[in-house]
């Protein structure tokens, strides 16, 4: 599963929103029936994990923590307990609870962003702005990926 791109939507008065069709099709093709939603650890957005991806994340965290270490156990507990299990209704909608809407600063308009194996839900007003300054993005990406000049020089 590779969720890519972004799509805008609106929540209704109850907090229900349609999962974009492109993402629904990918979930169906992969045989995923439910999603796990949690507030992102670092940003004011929500993250939807297909159940299989969530289970992998939970297993990885469990493997990196010691259940006999009280701090590790609190981290694991916080990560896995503050989630909601999401099932889509027959129309492809799901409910975002008022608590989660508030945590992510979502009023009505949202932007779904495919992030590989997860889908983020952002307040449209926040997601309409660049996440990073373009020059900073270019610099950081070059550091991560290596500069094109370095790669070209290596081939000559």
N, C-alpha and C. Protein backbone atom coordinates (compact mmCIF):
# COMPACT_ATOMS: atom_id res chain seq x y z
N UNK A 1 0.83 -1.18 0.00
CA UNK A 1 0.00 0.00 0.00
C UNK A 1 0.88 1.24 0.00
N UNK A 2 0.59 2.12 -0.93
CA UNK A 2 1.29 3.41 -0.97
C UNK A 2 0.26 4.50 -1.16
N UNK A 3 -0.03 5.20 -0.08
CA UNK A 3 -0.95 6.33 -0.15
C UNK A 3 -0.16 7.55 -0.58
N UNK A 4 -0.54 8.14 -1.71
CA UNK A 4 0.16 9.30 -2.23
C UNK A 4 -0.84 10.39 -2.58
N UNK A 5 -0.39 11.62 -2.56
CA UNK A 5 -1.22 12.74 -2.96
C UNK A 5 -2.03 13.29 -1.81
N UNK A 6 -2.92 14.23 -2.16
CA UNK A 6 -3.75 14.83 -1.13
C UNK A 6 -5.12 15.15 -1.70
N UNK A 7 -6.07 15.29 -0.81
CA UNK A 7 -7.45 15.53 -1.20
C UNK A 7 -8.14 16.34 -0.12
N UNK A 8 -9.01 17.25 -0.53
CA UNK A 8 -9.74 18.07 0.42
C UNK A 8 -11.12 17.46 0.69
N UNK A 9 -11.63 17.73 1.88
CA UNK A 9 -12.97 17.27 2.26
C UNK A 9 -13.50 18.19 3.35
N UNK A 10 -14.76 18.00 3.69
CA UNK A 10 -15.38 18.77 4.77
C UNK A 10 -16.04 17.80 5.73
N UNK A 11 -15.93 18.10 7.01
CA UNK A 11 -16.66 17.33 8.00
C UNK A 11 -18.08 17.87 8.07
N UNK A 12 -19.03 17.00 8.39
CA UNK A 12 -20.39 17.49 8.59
C UNK A 12 -20.55 17.93 10.04
N UNK A 13 -21.74 18.32 10.43
CA UNK A 13 -21.96 18.84 11.78
C UNK A 13 -21.69 17.82 12.87
N UNK A 14 -21.75 16.53 12.54
CA UNK A 14 -21.48 15.48 13.52
C UNK A 14 -20.00 15.08 13.56
N UNK A 15 -19.21 15.62 12.62
CA UNK A 15 -17.79 15.28 12.57
C UNK A 15 -17.48 14.14 11.62
N UNK A 16 -18.47 13.75 10.80
CA UNK A 16 -18.23 12.69 9.82
C UNK A 16 -17.58 13.27 8.58
N UNK A 17 -16.75 12.47 7.95
CA UNK A 17 -16.05 12.91 6.74
C UNK A 17 -15.89 11.69 5.83
N UNK A 18 -15.88 11.95 4.53
CA UNK A 18 -15.66 10.90 3.54
C UNK A 18 -14.16 10.67 3.37
N UNK A 19 -13.74 9.42 3.48
CA UNK A 19 -12.36 9.09 3.14
C UNK A 19 -12.26 9.18 1.62
N UNK A 20 -11.28 9.90 1.08
CA UNK A 20 -11.18 10.03 -0.38
C UNK A 20 -11.19 8.68 -1.09
N UNK A 21 -11.88 8.64 -2.22
CA UNK A 21 -12.06 7.39 -2.96
C UNK A 21 -10.74 6.72 -3.31
N UNK A 22 -9.72 7.50 -3.67
CA UNK A 22 -8.43 6.91 -4.04
C UNK A 22 -7.84 6.10 -2.88
N UNK A 23 -8.01 6.60 -1.65
CA UNK A 23 -7.50 5.88 -0.50
C UNK A 23 -8.39 4.68 -0.16
N UNK A 24 -9.70 4.83 -0.32
CA UNK A 24 -10.63 3.71 -0.07
C UNK A 24 -10.32 2.55 -1.00
N UNK A 25 -10.07 2.86 -2.27
CA UNK A 25 -9.77 1.81 -3.24
C UNK A 25 -8.51 1.04 -2.86
N UNK A 26 -7.50 1.76 -2.39
CA UNK A 26 -6.25 1.10 -1.99
C UNK A 26 -6.48 0.19 -0.77
N UNK A 27 -7.27 0.67 0.18
CA UNK A 27 -7.59 -0.15 1.36
C UNK A 27 -8.34 -1.41 0.96
N UNK A 28 -9.33 -1.25 0.09
CA UNK A 28 -10.11 -2.40 -0.36
C UNK A 28 -9.24 -3.41 -1.10
N UNK A 29 -8.37 -2.91 -1.99
CA UNK A 29 -7.49 -3.79 -2.75
C UNK A 29 -6.56 -4.57 -1.83
N UNK A 30 -6.18 -3.97 -0.71
CA UNK A 30 -5.28 -4.63 0.24
C UNK A 30 -6.05 -5.49 1.24
N UNK A 31 -7.37 -5.47 1.18
CA UNK A 31 -8.17 -6.26 2.11
C UNK A 31 -8.23 -5.69 3.51
N UNK A 32 -7.96 -4.41 3.65
CA UNK A 32 -8.00 -3.75 4.96
C UNK A 32 -9.44 -3.31 5.24
N UNK A 33 -9.96 -3.69 6.40
CA UNK A 33 -11.34 -3.34 6.71
C UNK A 33 -11.47 -2.23 7.74
N UNK A 34 -10.45 -2.04 8.55
CA UNK A 34 -10.56 -0.95 9.52
C UNK A 34 -9.24 -0.20 9.60
N UNK A 35 -9.36 0.99 10.15
CA UNK A 35 -8.22 1.88 10.32
C UNK A 35 -8.07 2.20 11.80
N UNK A 36 -6.88 2.58 12.18
CA UNK A 36 -6.61 3.05 13.54
C UNK A 36 -6.26 4.52 13.42
N UNK A 37 -6.90 5.36 14.23
CA UNK A 37 -6.63 6.79 14.19
C UNK A 37 -6.05 7.24 15.51
N UNK A 38 -5.01 8.06 15.41
CA UNK A 38 -4.43 8.67 16.61
C UNK A 38 -3.88 10.04 16.24
N UNK A 39 -3.72 10.87 17.23
CA UNK A 39 -3.08 12.18 17.04
C UNK A 39 -1.62 11.92 16.75
N UNK A 40 -1.06 12.67 15.80
CA UNK A 40 0.35 12.52 15.48
C UNK A 40 1.19 12.88 16.70
N UNK A 41 2.30 12.21 16.86
CA UNK A 41 3.18 12.44 18.00
C UNK A 41 3.81 13.83 17.96
N UNK A 42 4.11 14.34 16.77
CA UNK A 42 4.87 15.57 16.65
C UNK A 42 4.09 16.76 16.11
N UNK A 43 3.07 16.53 15.30
CA UNK A 43 2.35 17.60 14.63
C UNK A 43 0.89 17.63 15.05
N UNK A 44 0.23 18.76 14.78
CA UNK A 44 -1.20 18.88 15.06
C UNK A 44 -2.01 18.36 13.89
N UNK A 45 -1.94 17.06 13.70
CA UNK A 45 -2.73 16.39 12.68
C UNK A 45 -3.10 15.01 13.21
N UNK A 46 -4.00 14.35 12.50
CA UNK A 46 -4.40 12.99 12.86
C UNK A 46 -3.79 12.03 11.86
N UNK A 47 -3.52 10.82 12.30
CA UNK A 47 -2.92 9.82 11.42
C UNK A 47 -3.83 8.60 11.38
N UNK A 48 -4.12 8.15 10.15
CA UNK A 48 -4.88 6.92 9.94
C UNK A 48 -3.90 5.83 9.53
N UNK A 49 -3.93 4.75 10.30
CA UNK A 49 -3.08 3.59 10.01
C UNK A 49 -3.98 2.45 9.54
N UNK A 50 -3.71 1.84 8.39
CA UNK A 50 -4.40 0.58 8.11
C UNK A 50 -4.06 -0.38 9.25
N UNK A 51 -4.98 -1.26 9.58
CA UNK A 51 -4.78 -2.13 10.74
C UNK A 51 -3.46 -2.90 10.68
N UNK A 52 -3.08 -3.40 9.51
CA UNK A 52 -1.84 -4.17 9.40
C UNK A 52 -0.62 -3.28 9.68
N UNK A 53 -0.65 -2.03 9.22
CA UNK A 53 0.46 -1.10 9.47
C UNK A 53 0.51 -0.76 10.95
N UNK A 54 -0.65 -0.52 11.56
CA UNK A 54 -0.70 -0.23 12.99
C UNK A 54 -0.09 -1.38 13.78
N UNK A 55 -0.46 -2.61 13.43
CA UNK A 55 0.07 -3.77 14.15
C UNK A 55 1.58 -3.85 14.03
N UNK A 56 2.11 -3.54 12.85
CA UNK A 56 3.57 -3.52 12.67
C UNK A 56 4.21 -2.46 13.56
N UNK A 57 3.62 -1.27 13.59
CA UNK A 57 4.15 -0.18 14.42
C UNK A 57 4.12 -0.56 15.90
N UNK A 58 3.00 -1.13 16.31
CA UNK A 58 2.85 -1.52 17.71
C UNK A 58 3.87 -2.62 18.06
N UNK A 59 4.06 -3.58 17.18
CA UNK A 59 5.04 -4.63 17.42
C UNK A 59 6.46 -4.07 17.48
N UNK A 60 6.77 -3.13 16.58
CA UNK A 60 8.11 -2.53 16.59
C UNK A 60 8.36 -1.78 17.90
N UNK A 61 7.36 -1.01 18.33
CA UNK A 61 7.51 -0.28 19.59
C UNK A 61 7.65 -1.25 20.75
N UNK A 62 6.85 -2.30 20.77
CA UNK A 62 6.93 -3.29 21.85
C UNK A 62 8.31 -3.94 21.87
N UNK A 63 8.86 -4.23 20.70
CA UNK A 63 10.18 -4.86 20.62
C UNK A 63 11.30 -3.92 21.08
N UNK A 64 11.08 -2.61 20.98
CA UNK A 64 12.09 -1.65 21.39
C UNK A 64 11.93 -1.20 22.84
N UNK A 65 10.86 -1.63 23.48
CA UNK A 65 10.65 -1.25 24.87
C UNK A 65 10.69 -2.49 25.76
N UNK A 66 11.04 -2.23 27.00
CA UNK A 66 11.11 -3.29 27.99
C UNK A 66 9.88 -3.17 28.88
N UNK A 67 9.00 -4.16 28.86
CA UNK A 67 7.78 -4.04 29.65
C UNK A 67 8.03 -4.03 31.15
N UNK A 68 9.27 -4.31 31.56
CA UNK A 68 9.60 -4.27 33.00
C UNK A 68 10.26 -2.94 33.38
N UNK A 69 10.39 -2.04 32.41
CA UNK A 69 10.90 -0.70 32.67
C UNK A 69 9.68 0.22 32.75
N UNK A 70 9.42 0.83 33.93
CA UNK A 70 8.20 1.63 34.09
C UNK A 70 8.05 2.75 33.06
N UNK A 71 9.14 3.43 32.72
CA UNK A 71 9.04 4.51 31.74
C UNK A 71 8.70 3.97 30.36
N UNK A 72 9.34 2.88 29.97
CA UNK A 72 9.02 2.25 28.68
C UNK A 72 7.56 1.83 28.64
N UNK A 73 7.08 1.27 29.74
CA UNK A 73 5.69 0.82 29.79
C UNK A 73 4.73 2.00 29.66
N UNK A 74 5.06 3.14 30.26
CA UNK A 74 4.20 4.33 30.14
C UNK A 74 4.20 4.84 28.69
N UNK A 75 5.35 4.81 28.03
CA UNK A 75 5.44 5.25 26.63
C UNK A 75 4.58 4.33 25.76
N UNK A 76 4.74 3.04 25.94
CA UNK A 76 3.96 2.09 25.16
C UNK A 76 2.46 2.28 25.42
N UNK A 77 2.10 2.42 26.68
CA UNK A 77 0.70 2.60 27.06
C UNK A 77 0.12 3.85 26.41
N UNK A 78 0.87 4.95 26.47
CA UNK A 78 0.38 6.20 25.89
C UNK A 78 0.20 6.06 24.39
N UNK A 79 1.14 5.41 23.73
CA UNK A 79 1.08 5.28 22.28
C UNK A 79 -0.12 4.44 21.84
N UNK A 80 -0.35 3.33 22.51
CA UNK A 80 -1.40 2.41 22.04
C UNK A 80 -2.78 2.69 22.63
N UNK A 81 -2.86 3.42 23.74
CA UNK A 81 -4.17 3.58 24.36
C UNK A 81 -4.95 4.76 23.81
N UNK A 82 -4.28 5.73 23.27
CA UNK A 82 -4.97 6.93 22.81
C UNK A 82 -5.30 6.83 21.32
N UNK A 83 -6.03 5.79 20.96
CA UNK A 83 -6.40 5.56 19.57
C UNK A 83 -7.90 5.31 19.47
N UNK A 84 -8.38 5.44 18.26
CA UNK A 84 -9.76 5.08 17.97
C UNK A 84 -9.75 4.13 16.78
N UNK A 85 -10.57 3.10 16.86
CA UNK A 85 -10.71 2.17 15.74
C UNK A 85 -11.78 2.74 14.81
N UNK A 86 -11.43 2.85 13.55
CA UNK A 86 -12.30 3.48 12.56
C UNK A 86 -12.78 2.42 11.57
N UNK A 87 -14.08 2.38 11.37
CA UNK A 87 -14.65 1.58 10.29
C UNK A 87 -15.47 2.52 9.42
N UNK A 88 -15.35 2.35 8.14
CA UNK A 88 -16.08 3.19 7.20
C UNK A 88 -17.51 2.70 7.09
N UNK A 89 -18.47 3.63 6.97
CA UNK A 89 -19.84 3.20 6.74
C UNK A 89 -19.99 2.85 5.25
N UNK A 90 -21.18 2.47 4.84
CA UNK A 90 -21.38 2.00 3.47
C UNK A 90 -21.12 3.10 2.44
N UNK A 91 -21.11 4.35 2.86
CA UNK A 91 -20.83 5.47 1.96
C UNK A 91 -19.37 5.89 1.97
N UNK A 92 -18.55 5.25 2.80
CA UNK A 92 -17.13 5.60 2.88
C UNK A 92 -16.84 6.70 3.87
N UNK A 93 -17.79 6.96 4.79
CA UNK A 93 -17.59 8.00 5.80
C UNK A 93 -17.13 7.38 7.11
N UNK A 94 -16.50 8.22 7.93
CA UNK A 94 -16.17 7.83 9.30
C UNK A 94 -16.28 9.05 10.18
N UNK A 95 -16.37 8.81 11.47
CA UNK A 95 -16.55 9.88 12.45
C UNK A 95 -15.21 10.26 13.06
N UNK A 96 -14.94 11.56 13.10
CA UNK A 96 -13.81 12.08 13.85
C UNK A 96 -14.42 12.69 15.12
N UNK A 97 -14.05 12.16 16.25
CA UNK A 97 -14.64 12.63 17.51
C UNK A 97 -14.30 14.10 17.76
N UNK A 98 -15.13 14.76 18.54
CA UNK A 98 -14.90 16.17 18.86
C UNK A 98 -13.53 16.37 19.51
N UNK A 99 -13.13 15.42 20.34
CA UNK A 99 -11.82 15.51 21.00
C UNK A 99 -10.69 15.53 19.97
N UNK A 100 -10.77 14.65 18.98
CA UNK A 100 -9.73 14.61 17.95
C UNK A 100 -9.78 15.83 17.05
N UNK A 101 -10.98 16.32 16.74
CA UNK A 101 -11.09 17.53 15.94
C UNK A 101 -10.39 18.68 16.65
N UNK A 102 -10.60 18.77 17.95
CA UNK A 102 -9.99 19.84 18.74
C UNK A 102 -8.46 19.67 18.80
N UNK A 103 -7.99 18.45 19.04
CA UNK A 103 -6.54 18.20 19.12
C UNK A 103 -5.82 18.60 17.84
N UNK A 104 -6.48 18.39 16.69
CA UNK A 104 -5.84 18.69 15.40
C UNK A 104 -6.20 20.09 14.89
N UNK A 105 -6.99 20.83 15.66
CA UNK A 105 -7.36 22.18 15.23
C UNK A 105 -8.25 22.19 14.00
N UNK A 106 -9.04 21.13 13.81
CA UNK A 106 -9.91 21.02 12.64
C UNK A 106 -11.27 21.62 12.96
N UNK A 107 -11.69 22.54 12.10
CA UNK A 107 -13.03 23.11 12.28
C UNK A 107 -14.01 22.43 11.33
N UNK A 108 -13.80 22.53 10.04
CA UNK A 108 -14.68 21.83 9.10
C UNK A 108 -13.92 21.31 7.90
N UNK A 109 -13.08 22.14 7.30
CA UNK A 109 -12.36 21.73 6.10
C UNK A 109 -11.08 21.00 6.47
N UNK A 110 -10.86 19.86 5.81
CA UNK A 110 -9.68 19.04 6.08
C UNK A 110 -8.95 18.74 4.78
N UNK A 111 -7.71 18.36 4.94
CA UNK A 111 -6.92 17.87 3.81
C UNK A 111 -6.34 16.53 4.23
N UNK A 112 -6.63 15.51 3.42
CA UNK A 112 -6.04 14.19 3.59
C UNK A 112 -4.74 14.17 2.81
N UNK A 113 -3.67 13.71 3.43
CA UNK A 113 -2.37 13.61 2.76
C UNK A 113 -1.87 12.18 2.89
N UNK A 114 -1.64 11.55 1.73
CA UNK A 114 -1.08 10.20 1.72
C UNK A 114 0.40 10.26 2.04
N UNK A 115 0.80 9.48 3.02
CA UNK A 115 2.18 9.52 3.48
C UNK A 115 2.80 8.12 3.42
N UNK A 116 2.64 7.48 2.27
CA UNK A 116 3.19 6.13 2.12
C UNK A 116 2.24 5.11 2.71
N UNK A 117 2.55 4.63 3.90
CA UNK A 117 1.71 3.58 4.50
C UNK A 117 0.67 4.12 5.48
N UNK A 118 0.60 5.46 5.62
CA UNK A 118 -0.41 6.08 6.48
C UNK A 118 -1.05 7.25 5.74
N UNK A 119 -2.14 7.74 6.33
CA UNK A 119 -2.84 8.90 5.79
C UNK A 119 -2.96 9.92 6.91
N UNK A 120 -2.54 11.15 6.64
CA UNK A 120 -2.68 12.20 7.63
C UNK A 120 -3.92 13.03 7.32
N UNK A 121 -4.53 13.56 8.39
CA UNK A 121 -5.68 14.46 8.25
C UNK A 121 -5.29 15.77 8.92
N UNK A 122 -5.27 16.83 8.14
CA UNK A 122 -4.86 18.14 8.60
C UNK A 122 -6.02 19.12 8.48
N UNK A 123 -6.01 20.13 9.31
CA UNK A 123 -6.88 21.27 9.10
C UNK A 123 -6.45 21.89 7.78
N UNK A 124 -7.40 22.15 6.89
CA UNK A 124 -7.04 22.68 5.56
C UNK A 124 -6.23 23.96 5.66
N UNK A 125 -6.57 24.84 6.60
CA UNK A 125 -5.83 26.09 6.74
C UNK A 125 -4.36 25.88 7.03
N UNK A 126 -4.04 24.87 7.81
CA UNK A 126 -2.65 24.56 8.13
C UNK A 126 -1.97 23.89 6.95
N UNK A 127 -2.66 22.94 6.32
CA UNK A 127 -2.06 22.17 5.22
C UNK A 127 -1.91 22.99 3.94
N UNK A 128 -2.61 24.11 3.83
CA UNK A 128 -2.47 24.95 2.64
C UNK A 128 -1.14 25.69 2.61
N UNK A 129 -0.50 25.80 3.75
CA UNK A 129 0.79 26.49 3.84
C UNK A 129 1.90 25.45 3.69
N UNK A 130 3.05 25.86 3.15
CA UNK A 130 4.16 24.90 3.06
C UNK A 130 4.56 24.42 4.47
N UNK A 131 4.89 23.16 4.57
CA UNK A 131 5.31 22.61 5.86
C UNK A 131 6.69 23.12 6.25
N UNK A 132 7.49 23.42 5.25
CA UNK A 132 8.83 23.96 5.47
C UNK A 132 9.06 25.08 4.47
N UNK A 133 9.94 26.01 4.81
CA UNK A 133 10.38 27.03 3.88
C UNK A 133 11.03 26.31 2.70
N UNK A 134 10.71 26.68 1.45
CA UNK A 134 11.27 25.97 0.29
C UNK A 134 12.79 25.86 0.29
N UNK A 135 13.49 26.92 0.70
CA UNK A 135 14.96 26.86 0.73
C UNK A 135 15.46 25.89 1.79
N UNK A 136 14.79 25.89 2.96
CA UNK A 136 15.16 24.95 4.02
C UNK A 136 14.89 23.52 3.56
N UNK A 137 13.75 23.31 2.90
CA UNK A 137 13.40 21.98 2.38
C UNK A 137 14.47 21.48 1.42
N UNK A 138 14.87 22.34 0.49
CA UNK A 138 15.89 21.96 -0.49
C UNK A 138 17.20 21.59 0.21
N UNK A 139 17.61 22.41 1.18
CA UNK A 139 18.85 22.17 1.90
C UNK A 139 18.80 20.85 2.66
N UNK A 140 17.71 20.64 3.42
CA UNK A 140 17.58 19.43 4.23
C UNK A 140 17.48 18.18 3.37
N UNK A 141 16.71 18.27 2.27
CA UNK A 141 16.58 17.13 1.37
C UNK A 141 17.92 16.78 0.73
N UNK A 142 18.68 17.82 0.36
CA UNK A 142 20.01 17.58 -0.21
C UNK A 142 20.92 16.88 0.78
N UNK A 143 20.83 17.28 2.06
CA UNK A 143 21.65 16.62 3.08
C UNK A 143 21.25 15.16 3.26
N UNK A 144 19.95 14.91 3.23
CA UNK A 144 19.48 13.53 3.42
C UNK A 144 19.83 12.66 2.22
N UNK A 145 19.57 13.20 1.03
CA UNK A 145 19.70 12.39 -0.19
C UNK A 145 21.05 12.55 -0.87
N UNK A 146 21.83 13.53 -0.48
CA UNK A 146 23.09 13.80 -1.17
C UNK A 146 22.83 14.76 -2.31
N UNK A 147 23.75 15.64 -2.58
CA UNK A 147 23.53 16.64 -3.62
C UNK A 147 23.69 16.00 -4.99
N UNK A 148 22.91 16.45 -5.97
CA UNK A 148 23.05 15.89 -7.33
C UNK A 148 24.45 16.04 -7.88
N UNK A 149 25.13 17.15 -7.57
CA UNK A 149 26.50 17.35 -8.09
C UNK A 149 27.42 16.25 -7.58
N UNK A 150 27.27 15.85 -6.33
CA UNK A 150 28.09 14.79 -5.78
C UNK A 150 27.86 13.48 -6.53
N UNK A 151 26.59 13.18 -6.84
CA UNK A 151 26.27 11.94 -7.55
C UNK A 151 26.82 11.98 -8.97
N UNK A 152 26.72 13.12 -9.63
CA UNK A 152 27.22 13.24 -11.00
C UNK A 152 28.75 13.08 -11.01
N UNK A 153 29.41 13.75 -10.07
CA UNK A 153 30.87 13.66 -10.00
C UNK A 153 31.30 12.22 -9.74
N UNK A 154 30.55 11.49 -8.96
CA UNK A 154 30.90 10.11 -8.66
C UNK A 154 30.80 9.23 -9.88
N UNK A 155 29.91 9.58 -10.83
CA UNK A 155 29.72 8.76 -12.03
C UNK A 155 30.78 9.05 -13.10
N UNK A 156 31.46 10.20 -13.00
CA UNK A 156 32.42 10.55 -14.06
C UNK A 156 33.75 9.91 -13.85
